[in-house]
Amino acid sequence: MIKSGEIFASINQKDGMVVFKDDPEKYDSPDMFLKLQDDMARVMELNKQIIKMEEEIMLNLMYVKKSIGNQDEDLITGHSKSFVGDPSE
């Protein structure tokens, strides 16, 4: 991770200690602004895709039937996935 630049640190070979350092990037250059802007656009697009996929799943008849079927089984057996407290009570 140090070599790839994911974290900024050095390892003291003598005693095996790791010294963490501050990120040298100041985040104040036009290039960094464009990178952050691109990253934010990519994240927003991924969020849209996730929302669309969630909607498709929630409207999927097989999913609805399975989820309702599981709830029916929970009601019949008396089990609830949202149980809070000591399960031995």
PDB file of N, CA and C in Angstrom:
ATOM      1  N   MET A   1       0.824  -1.190   0.000  1.00  0.00           N
ATOM      2  CA  MET A   1       0.000   0.000   0.000  1.00  0.00           C
ATOM      3  C   MET A   1       0.872   1.259   0.000  1.00  0.00           C
ATOM      4  N   ILE A   2       2.015   1.162   0.642  1.00  0.00           N
ATOM      5  CA  ILE A   2       2.935   2.304   0.653  1.00  0.00           C
ATOM      6  C   ILE A   2       3.460   2.546  -0.758  1.00  0.00           C
ATOM      7  N   LYS A   3       3.891   1.466  -1.422  1.00  0.00           N
ATOM      8  CA  LYS A   3       4.445   1.601  -2.776  1.00  0.00           C
ATOM      9  C   LYS A   3       3.423   2.136  -3.766  1.00  0.00           C
ATOM     10  N   SER A   4       2.159   1.739  -3.602  1.00  0.00           N
ATOM     11  CA  SER A   4       1.127   2.170  -4.549  1.00  0.00           C
ATOM     12  C   SER A   4       0.620   3.581  -4.250  1.00  0.00           C
ATOM     13  N   GLY A   5       1.041   4.161  -3.127  1.00  0.00           N
ATOM     14  CA  GLY A   5       0.624   5.515  -2.792  1.00  0.00           C
ATOM     15  C   GLY A   5      -0.732   5.590  -2.117  1.00  0.00           C
ATOM     16  N   GLU A   6      -1.285   4.441  -1.690  1.00  0.00           N
ATOM     17  CA  GLU A   6      -2.566   4.444  -0.991  1.00  0.00           C
ATOM     18  C   GLU A   6      -2.428   5.041   0.411  1.00  0.00           C
ATOM     19  N   ILE A   7      -1.295   4.769   1.043  1.00  0.00           N
ATOM     20  CA  ILE A   7      -1.003   5.373   2.344  1.00  0.00           C
ATOM     21  C   ILE A   7       0.402   5.943   2.290  1.00  0.00           C
ATOM     22  N   PHE A   8       0.677   6.879   3.159  1.00  0.00           N
ATOM     23  CA  PHE A   8       1.987   7.523   3.191  1.00  0.00           C
ATOM     24  C   PHE A   8       2.649   7.162   4.506  1.00  0.00           C
ATOM     25  N   ALA A   9       3.687   6.353   4.393  1.00  0.00           N
ATOM     26  CA  ALA A   9       4.378   5.861   5.579  1.00  0.00           C
ATOM     27  C   ALA A   9       5.757   5.363   5.174  1.00  0.00           C
ATOM     28  N   SER A  10       6.557   5.114   6.188  1.00  0.00           N
ATOM     29  CA  SER A  10       7.848   4.468   5.963  1.00  0.00           C
ATOM     30  C   SER A  10       8.026   3.405   7.036  1.00  0.00           C
ATOM     31  N   ILE A  11       8.789   2.388   6.697  1.00  0.00           N
ATOM     32  CA  ILE A  11       9.036   1.299   7.633  1.00  0.00           C
ATOM     33  C   ILE A  11      10.498   1.331   8.037  1.00  0.00           C
ATOM     34  N   ASN A  12      10.737   1.425   9.325  1.00  0.00           N
ATOM     35  CA  ASN A  12      12.093   1.388   9.850  1.00  0.00           C
ATOM     36  C   ASN A  12      12.531  -0.074   9.857  1.00  0.00           C
ATOM     37  N   GLN A  13      13.472  -0.416   8.990  1.00  0.00           N
ATOM     38  CA  GLN A  13      13.910  -1.803   8.842  1.00  0.00           C
ATOM     39  C   GLN A  13      14.579  -2.337  10.110  1.00  0.00           C
ATOM     40  N   LYS A  14      15.182  -1.471  10.884  1.00  0.00           N
ATOM     41  CA  LYS A  14      15.908  -1.885  12.080  1.00  0.00           C
ATOM     42  C   LYS A  14      14.979  -2.463  13.145  1.00  0.00           C
ATOM     43  N   ASP A  15      13.927  -1.718  13.478  1.00  0.00           N
ATOM     44  CA  ASP A  15      13.033  -2.185  14.538  1.00  0.00           C
ATOM     45  C   ASP A  15      11.631  -2.572  14.046  1.00  0.00           C
ATOM     46  N   GLY A  16      11.393  -2.451  12.739  1.00  0.00           N
ATOM     47  CA  GLY A  16      10.107  -2.865  12.168  1.00  0.00           C
ATOM     48  C   GLY A  16       8.966  -1.904  12.452  1.00  0.00           C
ATOM     49  N   MET A  17       9.263  -0.713  12.914  1.00  0.00           N
ATOM     50  CA  MET A  17       8.220   0.272  13.222  1.00  0.00           C
ATOM     51  C   MET A  17       7.765   0.977  11.944  1.00  0.00           C
ATOM     52  N   VAL A  18       6.484   1.282  11.903  1.00  0.00           N
ATOM     53  CA  VAL A  18       5.913   2.008  10.777  1.00  0.00           C
ATOM     54  C   VAL A  18       5.651   3.446  11.226  1.00  0.00           C
ATOM     55  N   VAL A  19       6.102   4.383  10.414  1.00  0.00           N
ATOM     56  CA  VAL A  19       5.876   5.800  10.693  1.00  0.00           C
ATOM     57  C   VAL A  19       4.945   6.339   9.610  1.00  0.00           C
ATOM     58  N   PHE A  20       3.765   6.774  10.027  1.00  0.00           N
ATOM     59  CA  PHE A  20       2.793   7.316   9.083  1.00  0.00           C
ATOM     60  C   PHE A  20       3.057   8.797   8.868  1.00  0.00           C
ATOM     61  N   LYS A  21       2.880   9.225   7.623  1.00  0.00           N
ATOM     62  CA  LYS A  21       3.159  10.608   7.243  1.00  0.00           C
ATOM     63  C   LYS A  21       1.910  11.239   6.660  1.00  0.00           C
ATOM     64  N   ASP A  22       1.893  12.562   6.612  1.00  0.00           N
ATOM     65  CA  ASP A  22       0.777  13.286   5.999  1.00  0.00           C
ATOM     66  C   ASP A  22       0.823  13.128   4.484  1.00  0.00           C
ATOM     67  N   ASP A  23      -0.349  13.176   3.872  1.00  0.00           N
ATOM     68  CA  ASP A  23      -0.468  13.138   2.418  1.00  0.00           C
ATOM     69  C   ASP A  23       0.199  14.392   1.849  1.00  0.00           C
ATOM     70  N   PRO A  24       1.161  14.239   0.929  1.00  0.00           N
ATOM     71  CA  PRO A  24       1.835  15.417   0.385  1.00  0.00           C
ATOM     72  C   PRO A  24       0.954  16.260  -0.545  1.00  0.00           C
ATOM     73  N   GLU A  25      -0.151  15.696  -1.022  1.00  0.00           N
ATOM     74  CA  GLU A  25      -1.048  16.432  -1.916  1.00  0.00           C
ATOM     75  C   GLU A  25      -1.760  17.524  -1.127  1.00  0.00           C
ATOM     76  N   LYS A  26      -1.773  18.720  -1.658  1.00  0.00           N
ATOM     77  CA  LYS A  26      -2.421  19.857  -0.991  1.00  0.00           C
ATOM     78  C   LYS A  26      -3.848  20.076  -1.485  1.00  0.00           C
ATOM     79  N   TYR A  27      -4.249  19.369  -2.543  1.00  0.00           N
ATOM     80  CA  TYR A  27      -5.600  19.457  -3.086  1.00  0.00           C
ATOM     81  C   TYR A  27      -5.980  20.889  -3.475  1.00  0.00           C
ATOM     82  N   ASP A  28      -5.007  21.637  -3.998  1.00  0.00           N
ATOM     83  CA  ASP A  28      -5.295  23.016  -4.373  1.00  0.00           C
ATOM     84  C   ASP A  28      -4.923  23.347  -5.820  1.00  0.00           C
ATOM     85  N   SER A  29      -4.659  22.332  -6.611  1.00  0.00           N
ATOM     86  CA  SER A  29      -4.288  22.569  -8.005  1.00  0.00           C
ATOM     87  C   SER A  29      -5.503  22.382  -8.920  1.00  0.00           C
ATOM     88  N   PRO A  30      -5.487  23.009 -10.075  1.00  0.00           N
ATOM     89  CA  PRO A  30      -6.581  22.817 -11.035  1.00  0.00           C
ATOM     90  C   PRO A  30      -6.730  21.355 -11.460  1.00  0.00           C
ATOM     91  N   ASP A  31      -5.603  20.646 -11.583  1.00  0.00           N
ATOM     92  CA  ASP A  31      -5.669  19.228 -11.966  1.00  0.00           C
ATOM     93  C   ASP A  31      -6.394  18.410 -10.901  1.00  0.00           C
ATOM     94  N   MET A  32      -6.107  18.695  -9.640  1.00  0.00           N
ATOM     95  CA  MET A  32      -6.770  17.965  -8.556  1.00  0.00           C
ATOM     96  C   MET A  32      -8.253  18.298  -8.524  1.00  0.00           C
ATOM     97  N   PHE A  33      -8.607  19.559  -8.790  1.00  0.00           N
ATOM     98  CA  PHE A  33     -10.008  19.942  -8.839  1.00  0.00           C
ATOM     99  C   PHE A  33     -10.735  19.150  -9.927  1.00  0.00           C
ATOM    100  N   LEU A  34     -10.129  19.031 -11.100  1.00  0.00           N
ATOM    101  CA  LEU A  34     -10.747  18.270 -12.196  1.00  0.00           C
ATOM    102  C   LEU A  34     -10.870  16.797 -11.835  1.00  0.00           C
ATOM    103  N   LYS A  35      -9.855  16.248 -11.170  1.00  0.00           N
ATOM    104  CA  LYS A  35      -9.906  14.846 -10.746  1.00  0.00           C
ATOM    105  C   LYS A  35     -11.051  14.634  -9.760  1.00  0.00           C
ATOM    106  N   LEU A  36     -11.167  15.518  -8.774  1.00  0.00           N
ATOM    107  CA  LEU A  36     -12.252  15.402  -7.806  1.00  0.00           C
ATOM    108  C   LEU A  36     -13.612  15.556  -8.471  1.00  0.00           C
ATOM    109  N   GLN A  37     -13.698  16.465  -9.423  1.00  0.00           N
ATOM    110  CA  GLN A  37     -14.948  16.665 -10.155  1.00  0.00           C
ATOM    111  C   GLN A  37     -15.316  15.396 -10.939  1.00  0.00           C
ATOM    112  N   ASP A  38     -14.341  14.805 -11.608  1.00  0.00           N
ATOM    113  CA  ASP A  38     -14.579  13.555 -12.345  1.00  0.00           C
ATOM    114  C   ASP A  38     -14.990  12.425 -11.404  1.00  0.00           C
ATOM    115  N   ASP A  39     -14.293  12.327 -10.264  1.00  0.00           N
ATOM    116  CA  ASP A  39     -14.621  11.283  -9.287  1.00  0.00           C
ATOM    117  C   ASP A  39     -16.045  11.449  -8.762  1.00  0.00           C
ATOM    118  N   MET A  40     -16.436  12.681  -8.477  1.00  0.00           N
ATOM    119  CA  MET A  40     -17.794  12.940  -7.984  1.00  0.00           C
ATOM    120  C   MET A  40     -18.841  12.589  -9.054  1.00  0.00           C
ATOM    121  N   ALA A  41     -18.565  12.925 -10.301  1.00  0.00           N
ATOM    122  CA  ALA A  41     -19.490  12.590 -11.386  1.00  0.00           C
ATOM    123  C   ALA A  41     -19.635  11.073 -11.505  1.00  0.00           C
ATOM    124  N   ARG A  42     -18.523  10.352 -11.363  1.00  0.00           N
ATOM    125  CA  ARG A  42     -18.550   8.893 -11.444  1.00  0.00           C
ATOM    126  C   ARG A  42     -19.362   8.304 -10.281  1.00  0.00           C
ATOM    127  N   VAL A  43     -19.169   8.848  -9.087  1.00  0.00           N
ATOM    128  CA  VAL A  43     -19.914   8.377  -7.918  1.00  0.00           C
ATOM    129  C   VAL A  43     -21.405   8.642  -8.091  1.00  0.00           C
ATOM    130  N   MET A  44     -21.757   9.811  -8.597  1.00  0.00           N
ATOM    131  CA  MET A  44     -23.168  10.134  -8.800  1.00  0.00           C
ATOM    132  C   MET A  44     -23.800   9.204  -9.846  1.00  0.00           C
ATOM    133  N   GLU A  45     -23.053   8.878 -10.886  1.00  0.00           N
ATOM    134  CA  GLU A  45     -23.558   7.955 -11.906  1.00  0.00           C
ATOM    135  C   GLU A  45     -23.754   6.560 -11.319  1.00  0.00           C
ATOM    136  N   LEU A  46     -22.803   6.107 -10.506  1.00  0.00           N
ATOM    137  CA  LEU A  46     -22.948   4.805  -9.846  1.00  0.00           C
ATOM    138  C   LEU A  46     -24.153   4.795  -8.918  1.00  0.00           C
ATOM    139  N   ASN A  47     -24.378   5.890  -8.216  1.00  0.00           N
ATOM    140  CA  ASN A  47     -25.534   5.986  -7.334  1.00  0.00           C
ATOM    141  C   ASN A  47     -26.833   5.865  -8.132  1.00  0.00           C
ATOM    142  N   LYS A  48     -26.901   6.512  -9.286  1.00  0.00           N
ATOM    143  CA  LYS A  48     -28.087   6.404 -10.144  1.00  0.00           C
ATOM    144  C   LYS A  48     -28.315   4.951 -10.575  1.00  0.00           C
ATOM    145  N   GLN A  49     -27.216   4.269 -10.922  1.00  0.00           N
ATOM    146  CA  GLN A  49     -27.330   2.870 -11.336  1.00  0.00           C
ATOM    147  C   GLN A  49     -27.836   1.993 -10.189  1.00  0.00           C
ATOM    148  N   ILE A  50     -27.348   2.255  -8.983  1.00  0.00           N
ATOM    149  CA  ILE A  50     -27.781   1.474  -7.827  1.00  0.00           C
ATOM    150  C   ILE A  50     -29.260   1.706  -7.552  1.00  0.00           C
ATOM    151  N   ILE A  51     -29.702   2.942  -7.613  1.00  0.00           N
ATOM    152  CA  ILE A  51     -31.115   3.256  -7.390  1.00  0.00           C
ATOM    153  C   ILE A  51     -31.981   2.558  -8.435  1.00  0.00           C
ATOM    154  N   LYS A  52     -31.541   2.582  -9.696  1.00  0.00           N
ATOM    155  CA  LYS A  52     -32.289   1.923 -10.765  1.00  0.00           C
ATOM    156  C   LYS A  52     -32.367   0.416 -10.522  1.00  0.00           C
ATOM    157  N   MET A  53     -31.251  -0.177 -10.116  1.00  0.00           N
ATOM    158  CA  MET A  53     -31.231  -1.617  -9.843  1.00  0.00           C
ATOM    159  C   MET A  53     -32.137  -1.964  -8.663  1.00  0.00           C
ATOM    160  N   GLU A  54     -32.128  -1.148  -7.625  1.00  0.00           N
ATOM    161  CA  GLU A  54     -33.003  -1.384  -6.475  1.00  0.00           C
ATOM    162  C   GLU A  54     -34.468  -1.348  -6.888  1.00  0.00           C
ATOM    163  N   GLU A  55     -34.809  -0.376  -7.727  1.00  0.00           N
ATOM    164  CA  GLU A  55     -36.189  -0.275  -8.203  1.00  0.00           C
ATOM    165  C   GLU A  55     -36.568  -1.510  -9.009  1.00  0.00           C
ATOM    166  N   GLU A  56     -35.664  -1.964  -9.871  1.00  0.00           N
ATOM    167  CA  GLU A  56     -35.935  -3.152 -10.685  1.00  0.00           C
ATOM    168  C   GLU A  56     -36.126  -4.376  -9.799  1.00  0.00           C
ATOM    169  N   ILE A  57     -35.324  -4.490  -8.761  1.00  0.00           N
ATOM    170  CA  ILE A  57     -35.448  -5.635  -7.850  1.00  0.00           C
ATOM    171  C   ILE A  57     -36.770  -5.563  -7.098  1.00  0.00           C
ATOM    172  N   MET A  58     -37.104  -4.386  -6.584  1.00  0.00           N
ATOM    173  CA  MET A  58     -38.334  -4.240  -5.796  1.00  0.00           C
ATOM    174  C   MET A  58     -39.585  -4.485  -6.640  1.00  0.00           C
ATOM    175  N   LEU A  59     -39.487  -4.271  -7.942  1.00  0.00           N
ATOM    176  CA  LEU A  59     -40.627  -4.496  -8.824  1.00  0.00           C
ATOM    177  C   LEU A  59     -40.624  -5.887  -9.455  1.00  0.00           C
ATOM    178  N   ASN A  60     -39.594  -6.657  -9.185  1.00  0.00           N
ATOM    179  CA  ASN A  60     -39.480  -8.011  -9.733  1.00  0.00           C
ATOM    180  C   ASN A  60     -40.470  -8.924  -9.012  1.00  0.00           C
ATOM    181  N   LEU A  61     -41.370  -9.522  -9.764  1.00  0.00           N
ATOM    182  CA  LEU A  61     -42.422 -10.351  -9.191  1.00  0.00           C
ATOM    183  C   LEU A  61     -41.859 -11.519  -8.389  1.00  0.00           C
ATOM    184  N   MET A  62     -40.808 -12.154  -8.896  1.00  0.00           N
ATOM    185  CA  MET A  62     -40.217 -13.281  -8.166  1.00  0.00           C
ATOM    186  C   MET A  62     -39.653 -12.825  -6.817  1.00  0.00           C
ATOM    187  N   TYR A  63     -39.007 -11.663  -6.790  1.00  0.00           N
ATOM    188  CA  TYR A  63     -38.458 -11.128  -5.548  1.00  0.00           C
ATOM    189  C   TYR A  63     -39.577 -10.839  -4.550  1.00  0.00           C
ATOM    190  N   VAL A  64     -40.650 -10.203  -5.037  1.00  0.00           N
ATOM    191  CA  VAL A  64     -41.769  -9.848  -4.157  1.00  0.00           C
ATOM    192  C   VAL A  64     -42.385 -11.112  -3.574  1.00  0.00           C
ATOM    193  N   LYS A  65     -42.605 -12.115  -4.419  1.00  0.00           N
ATOM    194  CA  LYS A  65     -43.193 -13.377  -3.938  1.00  0.00           C
ATOM    195  C   LYS A  65     -42.295 -14.032  -2.898  1.00  0.00           C
ATOM    196  N   LYS A  66     -40.984 -14.066  -3.155  1.00  0.00           N
ATOM    197  CA  LYS A  66     -40.069 -14.684  -2.199  1.00  0.00           C
ATOM    198  C   LYS A  66     -40.031 -13.921  -0.893  1.00  0.00           C
ATOM    199  N   SER A  67     -39.994 -12.611  -0.958  1.00  0.00           N
ATOM    200  CA  SER A  67     -39.912 -11.835   0.280  1.00  0.00           C
ATOM    201  C   SER A  67     -41.199 -11.951   1.086  1.00  0.00           C
ATOM    202  N   ILE A  68     -42.333 -11.988   0.418  1.00  0.00           N
ATOM    203  CA  ILE A  68     -43.603 -12.166   1.119  1.00  0.00           C
ATOM    204  C   ILE A  68     -43.689 -13.576   1.678  1.00  0.00           C
ATOM    205  N   GLY A  69     -43.203 -14.548   0.926  1.00  0.00           N
ATOM    206  CA  GLY A  69     -43.205 -15.932   1.399  1.00  0.00           C
ATOM    207  C   GLY A  69     -42.379 -16.091   2.654  1.00  0.00           C
ATOM    208  N   ASN A  70     -41.236 -15.440   2.726  1.00  0.00           N
ATOM    209  CA  ASN A  70     -40.392 -15.515   3.918  1.00  0.00           C
ATOM    210  C   ASN A  70     -41.085 -14.872   5.109  1.00  0.00           C
ATOM    211  N   GLN A  71     -41.814 -13.795   4.880  1.00  0.00           N
ATOM    212  CA  GLN A  71     -42.529 -13.143   5.975  1.00  0.00           C
ATOM    213  C   GLN A  71     -43.642 -14.041   6.483  1.00  0.00           C
ATOM    214  N   ASP A  72     -44.325 -14.730   5.568  1.00  0.00           N
ATOM    215  CA  ASP A  72     -45.382 -15.656   5.970  1.00  0.00           C
ATOM    216  C   ASP A  72     -44.805 -16.772   6.835  1.00  0.00           C
ATOM    217  N   GLU A  73     -43.642 -17.306   6.444  1.00  0.00           N
ATOM    218  CA  GLU A  73     -43.002 -18.362   7.221  1.00  0.00           C
ATOM    219  C   GLU A  73     -42.629 -17.865   8.603  1.00  0.00           C
ATOM    220  N   ASP A  74     -42.140 -16.635   8.700  1.00  0.00           N
ATOM    221  CA  ASP A  74     -41.769 -16.061   9.990  1.00  0.00           C
ATOM    222  C   ASP A  74     -42.992 -15.930  10.889  1.00  0.00           C
ATOM    223  N   LEU A  75     -44.127 -15.524  10.309  1.00  0.00           N
ATOM    224  CA  LEU A  75     -45.343 -15.380  11.099  1.00  0.00           C
ATOM    225  C   LEU A  75     -45.839 -16.729  11.596  1.00  0.00           C
ATOM    226  N   ILE A  76     -45.755 -17.756  10.754  1.00  0.00           N
ATOM    227  CA  ILE A  76     -46.225 -19.086  11.118  1.00  0.00           C
ATOM    228  C   ILE A  76     -45.355 -19.683  12.220  1.00  0.00           C
ATOM    229  N   THR A  77     -44.038 -19.563  12.079  1.00  0.00           N
ATOM    230  CA  THR A  77     -43.130 -20.161  13.058  1.00  0.00           C
ATOM    231  C   THR A  77     -42.910 -19.271  14.269  1.00  0.00           C
ATOM    232  N   GLY A  78     -43.313 -18.015  14.180  1.00  0.00           N
ATOM    233  CA  GLY A  78     -43.135 -17.095  15.296  1.00  0.00           C
ATOM    234  C   GLY A  78     -41.762 -16.481  15.368  1.00  0.00           C
ATOM    235  N   HIS A  79     -40.955 -16.661  14.334  1.00  0.00           N
ATOM    236  CA  HIS A  79     -39.616 -16.087  14.310  1.00  0.00           C
ATOM    237  C   HIS A  79     -39.655 -14.722  13.654  1.00  0.00           C
ATOM    238  N   SER A  80     -38.832 -13.839  14.151  1.00  0.00           N
ATOM    239  CA  SER A  80     -38.725 -12.511  13.570  1.00  0.00           C
ATOM    240  C   SER A  80     -37.266 -12.163  13.432  1.00  0.00           C
ATOM    241  N   LYS A  81     -36.893 -11.647  12.280  1.00  0.00           N
ATOM    242  CA  LYS A  81     -35.504 -11.257  12.042  1.00  0.00           C
ATOM    243  C   LYS A  81     -35.166  -9.961  12.745  1.00  0.00           C
ATOM    244  N   SER A  82     -36.160  -9.234  13.205  1.00  0.00           N
ATOM    245  CA  SER A  82     -35.906  -7.955  13.856  1.00  0.00           C
ATOM    246  C   SER A  82     -35.977  -8.082  15.373  1.00  0.00           C
ATOM    247  N   PHE A  83     -35.798  -9.307  15.900  1.00  0.00           N
ATOM    248  CA  PHE A  83     -35.857  -9.548  17.328  1.00  0.00           C
ATOM    249  C   PHE A  83     -34.731  -8.841  18.037  1.00  0.00           C
ATOM    250  N   VAL A  84     -35.069  -8.111  19.108  1.00  0.00           N
ATOM    251  CA  VAL A  84     -34.065  -7.410  19.891  1.00  0.00           C
ATOM    252  C   VAL A  84     -34.133  -7.947  21.299  1.00  0.00           C
ATOM    253  N   GLY A  85     -33.006  -8.293  21.857  1.00  0.00           N
ATOM    254  CA  GLY A  85     -32.979  -8.790  23.227  1.00  0.00           C
ATOM    255  C   GLY A  85     -32.335 -10.154  23.303  1.00  0.00           C
ATOM    256  N   ASP A  86     -32.558 -10.837  24.388  1.00  0.00           N
ATOM    257  CA  ASP A  86     -31.966 -12.145  24.621  1.00  0.00           C
ATOM    258  C   ASP A  86     -32.799 -13.199  23.912  1.00  0.00           C
ATOM    259  N   PRO A  87     -32.224 -13.920  22.927  1.00  0.00           N
ATOM    260  CA  PRO A  87     -32.999 -14.918  22.181  1.00  0.00           C
ATOM    261  C   PRO A  87     -33.413 -16.109  23.029  1.00  0.00           C
ATOM    262  N   SER A  88     -32.851 -16.289  24.229  1.00  0.00           N
ATOM    263  CA  SER A  88     -33.213 -17.432  25.058  1.00  0.00           C
ATOM    264  C   SER A  88     -34.474 -17.160  25.874  1.00  0.00           C
ATOM    265  N   GLU A  89     -34.984 -15.924  25.854  1.00  0.00           N
ATOM    266  CA  GLU A  89     -36.197 -15.581  26.609  1.00  0.00           C
ATOM    267  C   GLU A  89     -37.427 -16.097  25.935  1.00  0.00           C
TER     268      GLU A  89
END
